[in-house]
Structure formats: C-alpha cells, structure tokens
Amino acid sequence: MARENGQLEMNFPAVPAAAVAAPAALTAALGRSPQSVLAAPRDYVAVFGSEREIAELTPDFANLAKLDRDAVIVTAPGAEVDFVSRFFAPKFGVSEDPVTGSAHCTLAPYWAGRVGRGDLHARQISARGGDIHCRLDGDRVFFAWRVYALP
C-alpha cells in the first residue's frame, strides 16, 4: 500500500517473543549482559537500557552463529525515537543487516506493550541504518521504512 509520503507500507504477521533466561553464550557473544532476553521462533531479542549500549556493541559474530536461533536482535529505548535496534544474522552470512523488516514483526509487539500504544517510530542504528514506522494492528504489523543513503 502506498503512503502519502511515497513510502510503501507492508504488513506481516506479528511474531511475539517470550521472556527466557539469558543464555550464557548469547551474553558472551554480545560482550555485555542485556537487561532481559526474549525468544521468538527464529530470533533472540536482547533488551538493553540505552541507545548508547546498542551503538557500542561489538559482537563476536562467529559465536553468534553458533546459537540455537537464526539471528539476534538487540534493542533499547531510543533517544529520539520509541526504540532502536540492530540485527545480526551471521549464521546466514549477514553479520549485520542495515534495516530489517522481519525483526520489527517481533519488536513492534514488544515495544507496543512497553510504551502502551501501537504506532511506533523506530530506528535501526547499523552503520547504514534507517527509520521504520510500525503500526501494530491485532496480529499484524504494518511498517514502512526509509533506509539512509550509503556513505
């Protein structure tokens, strides 16, 4: 669906995650302990306290690839947006994806519950990065994004 600003809006099933004990291998591979960890069918979600913590992460990609999930999403409240994230999938040869729509199928339900509303402004803070507008509607996540230009 086309939005007024020219962006395309897509919608996918929401993929809620459940709280789990932080696997020691995940914490070791990230190089610091998250406040909490969630598990979705394919991904771990590591929740940190600040955008700065997410920006400063230098994960061990070889060890992330050994985890029992396909990818790792790290997230925290944002300074200028509702939340920030990064997405690591070294198991598939993608150390870090610049902007990951599928990750927001899990992040939108989590953050909607945390901030108490379904319309969210997110930012993926990879080197390239991008802004994602998410809207949780029942069991669907609608999102549109803008990827930053290559440096």
N, C-alpha and C. Protein backbone atom coordinates (compact mmCIF):
# COMPACT_ATOMS: atom_id res chain seq x y z
N MET A 1 0.84 -1.17 0.00
CA MET A 1 0.00 0.00 0.00
C MET A 1 0.89 1.24 0.00
N ALA A 2 0.62 2.20 -0.85
CA ALA A 2 1.40 3.43 -0.91
C ALA A 2 0.92 4.40 0.18
N ARG A 3 1.88 5.03 0.84
CA ARG A 3 1.56 6.04 1.84
C ARG A 3 1.65 7.42 1.20
N GLU A 4 1.11 8.43 1.87
CA GLU A 4 1.11 9.79 1.33
C GLU A 4 2.51 10.31 1.05
N ASN A 5 3.50 9.88 1.83
CA ASN A 5 4.87 10.38 1.66
C ASN A 5 5.64 9.60 0.60
N GLY A 6 4.98 8.71 -0.11
CA GLY A 6 5.63 7.95 -1.17
C GLY A 6 6.24 6.64 -0.72
N GLN A 7 6.30 6.41 0.58
CA GLN A 7 6.82 5.14 1.06
C GLN A 7 5.78 4.05 0.83
N LEU A 8 6.27 2.85 0.70
CA LEU A 8 5.36 1.70 0.63
C LEU A 8 5.19 1.14 2.02
N GLU A 9 3.98 0.77 2.33
CA GLU A 9 3.69 0.15 3.62
C GLU A 9 3.42 -1.33 3.38
N MET A 10 4.07 -2.16 4.16
CA MET A 10 3.89 -3.60 4.05
C MET A 10 3.27 -4.08 5.35
N ASN A 11 2.64 -5.27 5.30
CA ASN A 11 2.15 -5.83 6.54
C ASN A 11 2.45 -7.31 6.59
N PHE A 12 2.83 -7.74 7.79
CA PHE A 12 3.23 -9.12 8.03
C PHE A 12 2.64 -9.58 9.36
N PRO A 13 2.62 -10.89 9.57
CA PRO A 13 2.15 -11.38 10.87
C PRO A 13 3.07 -10.92 12.00
N ALA A 14 2.49 -10.57 13.11
CA ALA A 14 3.28 -10.27 14.31
C ALA A 14 3.90 -11.58 14.79
N VAL A 15 5.10 -11.48 15.32
CA VAL A 15 5.81 -12.65 15.84
C VAL A 15 6.22 -12.33 17.28
N PRO A 16 5.29 -12.50 18.22
CA PRO A 16 5.62 -12.18 19.61
C PRO A 16 6.73 -13.09 20.14
N ALA A 17 7.45 -12.56 21.11
CA ALA A 17 8.52 -13.30 21.76
C ALA A 17 8.21 -13.43 23.24
N ALA A 18 8.77 -14.45 23.88
CA ALA A 18 8.55 -14.69 25.30
C ALA A 18 9.86 -14.55 26.06
N ALA A 19 9.75 -14.08 27.29
CA ALA A 19 10.93 -13.92 28.13
C ALA A 19 11.57 -15.28 28.41
N VAL A 20 12.91 -15.31 28.36
CA VAL A 20 13.68 -16.51 28.68
C VAL A 20 14.89 -16.07 29.51
N ALA A 21 15.50 -17.03 30.17
CA ALA A 21 16.76 -16.76 30.85
C ALA A 21 17.81 -16.47 29.78
N ALA A 22 18.66 -15.51 30.05
CA ALA A 22 19.69 -15.14 29.07
C ALA A 22 20.69 -16.27 28.91
N PRO A 23 20.79 -16.85 27.71
CA PRO A 23 21.80 -17.89 27.51
C PRO A 23 23.20 -17.30 27.70
N ALA A 24 24.05 -17.99 28.44
CA ALA A 24 25.41 -17.50 28.68
C ALA A 24 26.15 -17.27 27.37
N ALA A 25 25.92 -18.12 26.38
CA ALA A 25 26.60 -17.97 25.09
C ALA A 25 26.18 -16.69 24.38
N LEU A 26 24.92 -16.27 24.55
CA LEU A 26 24.45 -15.03 23.94
C LEU A 26 25.12 -13.84 24.60
N THR A 27 25.11 -13.81 25.92
CA THR A 27 25.75 -12.71 26.65
C THR A 27 27.23 -12.62 26.30
N ALA A 28 27.90 -13.76 26.24
CA ALA A 28 29.32 -13.76 25.90
C ALA A 28 29.55 -13.23 24.48
N ALA A 29 28.72 -13.65 23.54
CA ALA A 29 28.89 -13.23 22.15
C ALA A 29 28.60 -11.74 21.97
N LEU A 30 27.70 -11.19 22.78
CA LEU A 30 27.40 -9.76 22.69
C LEU A 30 28.42 -8.91 23.44
N GLY A 31 29.12 -9.52 24.39
CA GLY A 31 30.14 -8.79 25.14
C GLY A 31 29.61 -7.99 26.30
N ARG A 32 28.32 -8.09 26.58
CA ARG A 32 27.72 -7.45 27.76
C ARG A 32 26.36 -8.08 28.01
N SER A 33 25.90 -7.92 29.23
CA SER A 33 24.64 -8.53 29.65
C SER A 33 23.45 -7.63 29.35
N PRO A 34 22.45 -8.15 28.65
CA PRO A 34 21.22 -7.37 28.45
C PRO A 34 20.38 -7.35 29.72
N GLN A 35 19.45 -6.41 29.79
CA GLN A 35 18.52 -6.35 30.92
C GLN A 35 17.59 -7.55 30.91
N SER A 36 17.19 -7.96 29.70
CA SER A 36 16.32 -9.13 29.56
C SER A 36 16.53 -9.72 28.17
N VAL A 37 16.07 -10.97 28.02
CA VAL A 37 16.17 -11.67 26.74
C VAL A 37 14.82 -12.29 26.44
N LEU A 38 14.41 -12.19 25.19
CA LEU A 38 13.19 -12.81 24.71
C LEU A 38 13.57 -13.80 23.63
N ALA A 39 12.74 -14.82 23.45
CA ALA A 39 12.96 -15.78 22.37
C ALA A 39 11.72 -15.80 21.49
N ALA A 40 11.94 -15.58 20.21
CA ALA A 40 10.92 -15.75 19.18
C ALA A 40 11.28 -17.06 18.46
N PRO A 41 10.43 -17.57 17.60
CA PRO A 41 10.74 -18.84 16.95
C PRO A 41 12.10 -18.88 16.25
N ARG A 42 12.51 -17.77 15.63
CA ARG A 42 13.77 -17.78 14.88
C ARG A 42 14.86 -16.90 15.48
N ASP A 43 14.50 -16.00 16.38
CA ASP A 43 15.44 -14.98 16.86
C ASP A 43 15.47 -14.88 18.38
N TYR A 44 16.62 -14.43 18.88
CA TYR A 44 16.70 -13.93 20.25
C TYR A 44 16.56 -12.42 20.17
N VAL A 45 15.94 -11.83 21.19
CA VAL A 45 15.86 -10.39 21.33
C VAL A 45 16.52 -10.04 22.65
N ALA A 46 17.61 -9.29 22.59
CA ALA A 46 18.32 -8.85 23.79
C ALA A 46 17.96 -7.39 24.03
N VAL A 47 17.37 -7.12 25.18
CA VAL A 47 16.89 -5.78 25.51
C VAL A 47 17.90 -5.10 26.44
N PHE A 48 18.34 -3.93 26.01
CA PHE A 48 19.29 -3.15 26.79
C PHE A 48 18.62 -1.87 27.29
N GLY A 49 19.32 -1.14 28.14
CA GLY A 49 18.74 0.04 28.77
C GLY A 49 18.86 1.33 28.00
N SER A 50 19.80 1.39 27.04
CA SER A 50 20.01 2.67 26.36
C SER A 50 20.47 2.48 24.92
N GLU A 51 20.20 3.48 24.13
CA GLU A 51 20.64 3.52 22.73
C GLU A 51 22.16 3.43 22.65
N ARG A 52 22.83 4.08 23.57
CA ARG A 52 24.29 4.07 23.58
C ARG A 52 24.84 2.65 23.70
N GLU A 53 24.24 1.85 24.57
CA GLU A 53 24.68 0.46 24.72
C GLU A 53 24.56 -0.31 23.40
N ILE A 54 23.48 -0.08 22.68
CA ILE A 54 23.27 -0.75 21.39
C ILE A 54 24.32 -0.29 20.39
N ALA A 55 24.57 1.01 20.33
CA ALA A 55 25.53 1.56 19.38
C ALA A 55 26.95 1.05 19.65
N GLU A 56 27.28 0.83 20.91
CA GLU A 56 28.64 0.43 21.27
C GLU A 56 28.90 -1.07 21.17
N LEU A 57 27.88 -1.88 20.92
CA LEU A 57 28.09 -3.32 20.84
C LEU A 57 29.06 -3.68 19.72
N THR A 58 29.97 -4.58 20.02
CA THR A 58 30.87 -5.16 19.01
C THR A 58 30.81 -6.68 19.19
N PRO A 59 29.76 -7.29 18.65
CA PRO A 59 29.54 -8.71 18.90
C PRO A 59 30.59 -9.62 18.26
N ASP A 60 30.69 -10.79 18.82
CA ASP A 60 31.53 -11.86 18.29
C ASP A 60 30.63 -12.65 17.33
N PHE A 61 30.74 -12.35 16.03
CA PHE A 61 29.84 -12.93 15.04
C PHE A 61 30.00 -14.45 14.92
N ALA A 62 31.20 -14.94 15.08
CA ALA A 62 31.42 -16.39 15.00
C ALA A 62 30.63 -17.11 16.09
N ASN A 63 30.62 -16.55 17.28
CA ASN A 63 29.86 -17.18 18.37
C ASN A 63 28.36 -16.94 18.26
N LEU A 64 27.95 -15.79 17.71
CA LEU A 64 26.51 -15.58 17.47
C LEU A 64 25.99 -16.64 16.50
N ALA A 65 26.80 -17.01 15.52
CA ALA A 65 26.39 -18.01 14.52
C ALA A 65 26.19 -19.39 15.12
N LYS A 66 26.74 -19.63 16.30
CA LYS A 66 26.63 -20.95 16.96
C LYS A 66 25.39 -21.08 17.84
N LEU A 67 24.67 -19.99 18.04
CA LEU A 67 23.48 -20.02 18.91
C LEU A 67 22.37 -20.88 18.30
N ASP A 68 21.41 -21.24 19.11
CA ASP A 68 20.30 -22.10 18.66
C ASP A 68 19.16 -21.33 18.00
N ARG A 69 19.37 -20.08 17.68
CA ARG A 69 18.42 -19.27 16.93
C ARG A 69 19.12 -18.77 15.67
N ASP A 70 18.34 -18.37 14.67
CA ASP A 70 18.91 -17.92 13.39
C ASP A 70 19.57 -16.55 13.47
N ALA A 71 19.05 -15.68 14.34
CA ALA A 71 19.55 -14.31 14.38
C ALA A 71 19.38 -13.74 15.78
N VAL A 72 20.02 -12.60 16.00
CA VAL A 72 19.92 -11.89 17.27
C VAL A 72 19.54 -10.45 16.98
N ILE A 73 18.49 -10.00 17.64
CA ILE A 73 18.05 -8.61 17.57
C ILE A 73 18.42 -7.98 18.91
N VAL A 74 19.07 -6.83 18.87
CA VAL A 74 19.32 -6.08 20.10
C VAL A 74 18.50 -4.81 20.02
N THR A 75 17.97 -4.38 21.15
CA THR A 75 17.05 -3.24 21.16
C THR A 75 17.13 -2.50 22.48
N ALA A 76 16.73 -1.23 22.44
CA ALA A 76 16.70 -0.37 23.63
C ALA A 76 15.81 0.82 23.34
N PRO A 77 15.38 1.53 24.39
CA PRO A 77 14.66 2.78 24.13
C PRO A 77 15.55 3.73 23.34
N GLY A 78 14.94 4.51 22.47
CA GLY A 78 15.70 5.46 21.66
C GLY A 78 15.71 6.84 22.26
N ALA A 79 16.72 7.62 21.92
CA ALA A 79 16.81 9.00 22.40
C ALA A 79 15.82 9.89 21.65
N GLU A 80 15.65 9.64 20.33
CA GLU A 80 14.77 10.48 19.51
C GLU A 80 13.59 9.71 18.93
N VAL A 81 13.56 8.41 19.14
CA VAL A 81 12.52 7.54 18.61
C VAL A 81 12.05 6.63 19.75
N ASP A 82 10.99 5.88 19.49
CA ASP A 82 10.49 4.99 20.55
C ASP A 82 11.49 3.91 20.92
N PHE A 83 12.14 3.34 19.91
CA PHE A 83 13.16 2.32 20.20
C PHE A 83 14.16 2.23 19.05
N VAL A 84 15.32 1.70 19.39
CA VAL A 84 16.37 1.46 18.40
C VAL A 84 16.67 -0.04 18.39
N SER A 85 17.32 -0.47 17.31
CA SER A 85 17.69 -1.88 17.22
C SER A 85 18.88 -2.06 16.29
N ARG A 86 19.45 -3.24 16.37
CA ARG A 86 20.42 -3.75 15.39
C ARG A 86 20.07 -5.22 15.19
N PHE A 87 20.46 -5.77 14.03
CA PHE A 87 20.08 -7.14 13.66
C PHE A 87 21.30 -7.89 13.15
N PHE A 88 21.62 -9.00 13.81
CA PHE A 88 22.79 -9.80 13.46
C PHE A 88 22.34 -11.19 13.02
N ALA A 89 22.78 -11.63 11.85
CA ALA A 89 22.43 -12.96 11.33
C ALA A 89 23.65 -13.62 10.68
N PRO A 90 24.75 -13.77 11.42
CA PRO A 90 25.95 -14.34 10.82
C PRO A 90 25.78 -15.80 10.39
N LYS A 91 24.81 -16.48 10.95
CA LYS A 91 24.54 -17.86 10.54
C LYS A 91 24.20 -17.93 9.05
N PHE A 92 23.67 -16.82 8.51
CA PHE A 92 23.29 -16.73 7.10
C PHE A 92 24.25 -15.85 6.30
N GLY A 93 25.41 -15.57 6.87
CA GLY A 93 26.40 -14.76 6.17
C GLY A 93 26.13 -13.26 6.23
N VAL A 94 25.24 -12.83 7.12
CA VAL A 94 24.92 -11.41 7.27
C VAL A 94 25.34 -11.00 8.68
N SER A 95 26.54 -10.44 8.78
CA SER A 95 26.99 -10.03 10.11
C SER A 95 25.99 -9.05 10.72
N GLU A 96 25.68 -7.99 9.96
CA GLU A 96 24.69 -7.02 10.43
C GLU A 96 23.90 -6.50 9.24
N ASP A 97 22.58 -6.61 9.33
CA ASP A 97 21.70 -6.13 8.27
C ASP A 97 21.39 -4.66 8.54
N PRO A 98 21.39 -3.80 7.51
CA PRO A 98 21.18 -2.37 7.74
C PRO A 98 19.78 -2.02 8.25
N VAL A 99 18.74 -2.57 7.66
CA VAL A 99 17.36 -2.32 8.09
C VAL A 99 16.57 -3.59 7.83
N THR A 100 15.97 -4.13 8.88
CA THR A 100 15.39 -5.48 8.82
C THR A 100 13.91 -5.45 9.13
N GLY A 101 13.07 -5.54 8.10
CA GLY A 101 11.63 -5.53 8.31
C GLY A 101 11.16 -6.66 9.20
N SER A 102 11.65 -7.87 8.96
CA SER A 102 11.18 -9.02 9.74
C SER A 102 11.45 -8.87 11.23
N ALA A 103 12.53 -8.21 11.60
CA ALA A 103 12.83 -8.02 13.02
C ALA A 103 11.73 -7.20 13.70
N HIS A 104 11.13 -6.29 12.94
CA HIS A 104 10.10 -5.43 13.52
C HIS A 104 8.77 -6.15 13.71
N CYS A 105 8.63 -7.33 13.12
CA CYS A 105 7.45 -8.16 13.40
C CYS A 105 7.49 -8.67 14.83
N THR A 106 8.68 -8.76 15.40
CA THR A 106 8.86 -9.13 16.80
C THR A 106 9.00 -7.90 17.69
N LEU A 107 9.72 -6.90 17.20
CA LEU A 107 9.94 -5.70 18.02
C LEU A 107 8.66 -4.90 18.23
N ALA A 108 7.81 -4.78 17.23
CA ALA A 108 6.59 -3.96 17.37
C ALA A 108 5.68 -4.47 18.49
N PRO A 109 5.37 -5.77 18.56
CA PRO A 109 4.54 -6.22 19.68
C PRO A 109 5.19 -5.97 21.05
N TYR A 110 6.50 -6.19 21.13
CA TYR A 110 7.20 -5.97 22.40
C TYR A 110 7.12 -4.51 22.82
N TRP A 111 7.51 -3.59 21.91
CA TRP A 111 7.54 -2.18 22.27
C TRP A 111 6.14 -1.59 22.42
N ALA A 112 5.18 -2.08 21.66
CA ALA A 112 3.80 -1.61 21.84
C ALA A 112 3.34 -1.89 23.26
N GLY A 113 3.67 -3.06 23.76
CA GLY A 113 3.33 -3.40 25.14
C GLY A 113 4.06 -2.54 26.15
N ARG A 114 5.29 -2.19 25.83
CA ARG A 114 6.09 -1.39 26.77
C ARG A 114 5.68 0.07 26.79
N VAL A 115 5.37 0.65 25.62
CA VAL A 115 5.04 2.07 25.60
C VAL A 115 3.53 2.32 25.64
N GLY A 116 2.75 1.28 25.49
CA GLY A 116 1.30 1.42 25.63
C GLY A 116 0.57 1.96 24.42
N ARG A 117 1.18 1.84 23.25
CA ARG A 117 0.49 2.25 22.02
C ARG A 117 1.04 1.46 20.85
N GLY A 118 0.25 1.35 19.79
CA GLY A 118 0.62 0.52 18.65
C GLY A 118 1.31 1.25 17.52
N ASP A 119 1.33 2.59 17.52
CA ASP A 119 2.04 3.35 16.49
C ASP A 119 3.42 3.72 17.03
N LEU A 120 4.45 3.24 16.36
CA LEU A 120 5.80 3.38 16.88
C LEU A 120 6.76 3.91 15.82
N HIS A 121 7.70 4.71 16.26
CA HIS A 121 8.77 5.18 15.38
C HIS A 121 10.05 4.51 15.87
N ALA A 122 10.69 3.76 14.98
CA ALA A 122 11.89 3.01 15.33
C ALA A 122 13.05 3.45 14.45
N ARG A 123 14.25 3.14 14.92
CA ARG A 123 15.45 3.41 14.12
C ARG A 123 16.38 2.23 14.27
N GLN A 124 16.80 1.68 13.14
CA GLN A 124 17.82 0.64 13.16
C GLN A 124 19.15 1.37 13.01
N ILE A 125 20.03 1.22 13.99
CA ILE A 125 21.23 2.05 14.05
C ILE A 125 22.49 1.30 13.60
N SER A 126 22.36 0.53 12.55
CA SER A 126 23.53 -0.07 11.91
C SER A 126 24.32 1.05 11.25
N ALA A 127 25.46 0.72 10.68
CA ALA A 127 26.28 1.74 10.02
C ALA A 127 25.49 2.48 8.94
N ARG A 128 24.67 1.78 8.19
CA ARG A 128 23.84 2.40 7.16
C ARG A 128 22.53 2.89 7.76
N GLY A 129 21.82 2.00 8.44
CA GLY A 129 20.65 2.34 9.23
C GLY A 129 19.44 2.83 8.47
N GLY A 130 18.37 3.07 9.22
CA GLY A 130 17.15 3.57 8.64
C GLY A 130 16.07 3.75 9.68
N ASP A 131 15.04 4.49 9.32
CA ASP A 131 13.88 4.73 10.18
C ASP A 131 12.74 3.83 9.74
N ILE A 132 12.04 3.28 10.71
CA ILE A 132 10.92 2.38 10.45
C ILE A 132 9.72 2.89 11.24
N HIS A 133 8.61 3.04 10.56
CA HIS A 133 7.36 3.38 11.23
C HIS A 133 6.54 2.10 11.30
N CYS A 134 6.21 1.69 12.53
CA CYS A 134 5.49 0.44 12.76
C CYS A 134 4.11 0.74 13.33
N ARG A 135 3.16 -0.09 12.93
CA ARG A 135 1.82 0.01 13.49
C ARG A 135 1.33 -1.40 13.76
N LEU A 136 1.10 -1.69 15.03
CA LEU A 136 0.58 -2.99 15.42
C LEU A 136 -0.94 -2.94 15.37
N ASP A 137 -1.54 -3.85 14.59
CA ASP A 137 -2.99 -3.91 14.45
C ASP A 137 -3.41 -5.36 14.64
N GLY A 138 -3.81 -5.70 15.86
CA GLY A 138 -4.16 -7.09 16.17
C GLY A 138 -2.93 -7.97 16.04
N ASP A 139 -3.02 -8.97 15.17
CA ASP A 139 -1.90 -9.88 14.99
C ASP A 139 -1.09 -9.55 13.74
N ARG A 140 -1.20 -8.32 13.27
CA ARG A 140 -0.44 -7.87 12.08
C ARG A 140 0.42 -6.66 12.43
N VAL A 141 1.57 -6.57 11.77
CA VAL A 141 2.44 -5.41 11.91
C VAL A 141 2.55 -4.75 10.55
N PHE A 142 2.18 -3.48 10.50
CA PHE A 142 2.30 -2.69 9.29
C PHE A 142 3.55 -1.84 9.46
N PHE A 143 4.41 -1.79 8.45
CA PHE A 143 5.58 -0.95 8.58
C PHE A 143 6.01 -0.37 7.24
N ALA A 144 6.62 0.79 7.36
CA ALA A 144 7.21 1.49 6.21
C ALA A 144 8.55 2.00 6.70
N TRP A 145 9.52 2.05 5.81
CA TRP A 145 10.83 2.49 6.24
C TRP A 145 11.53 3.32 5.19
N ARG A 146 12.56 4.00 5.70
CA ARG A 146 13.45 4.78 4.85
C ARG A 146 14.86 4.38 5.25
N VAL A 147 15.60 3.87 4.28
CA VAL A 147 16.99 3.47 4.50
C VAL A 147 17.87 4.68 4.21
N TYR A 148 18.86 4.89 5.06
CA TYR A 148 19.78 6.01 4.85
C TYR A 148 20.66 5.72 3.64
N ALA A 149 21.08 6.76 2.98
CA ALA A 149 21.96 6.62 1.80
C ALA A 149 23.30 6.04 2.21
N LEU A 150 23.91 5.35 1.29
CA LEU A 150 25.24 4.83 1.53
C LEU A 150 26.21 5.98 1.70
N PRO A 151 27.21 5.82 2.61
CA PRO A 151 28.18 6.91 2.83
C PRO A 151 29.03 7.16 1.60
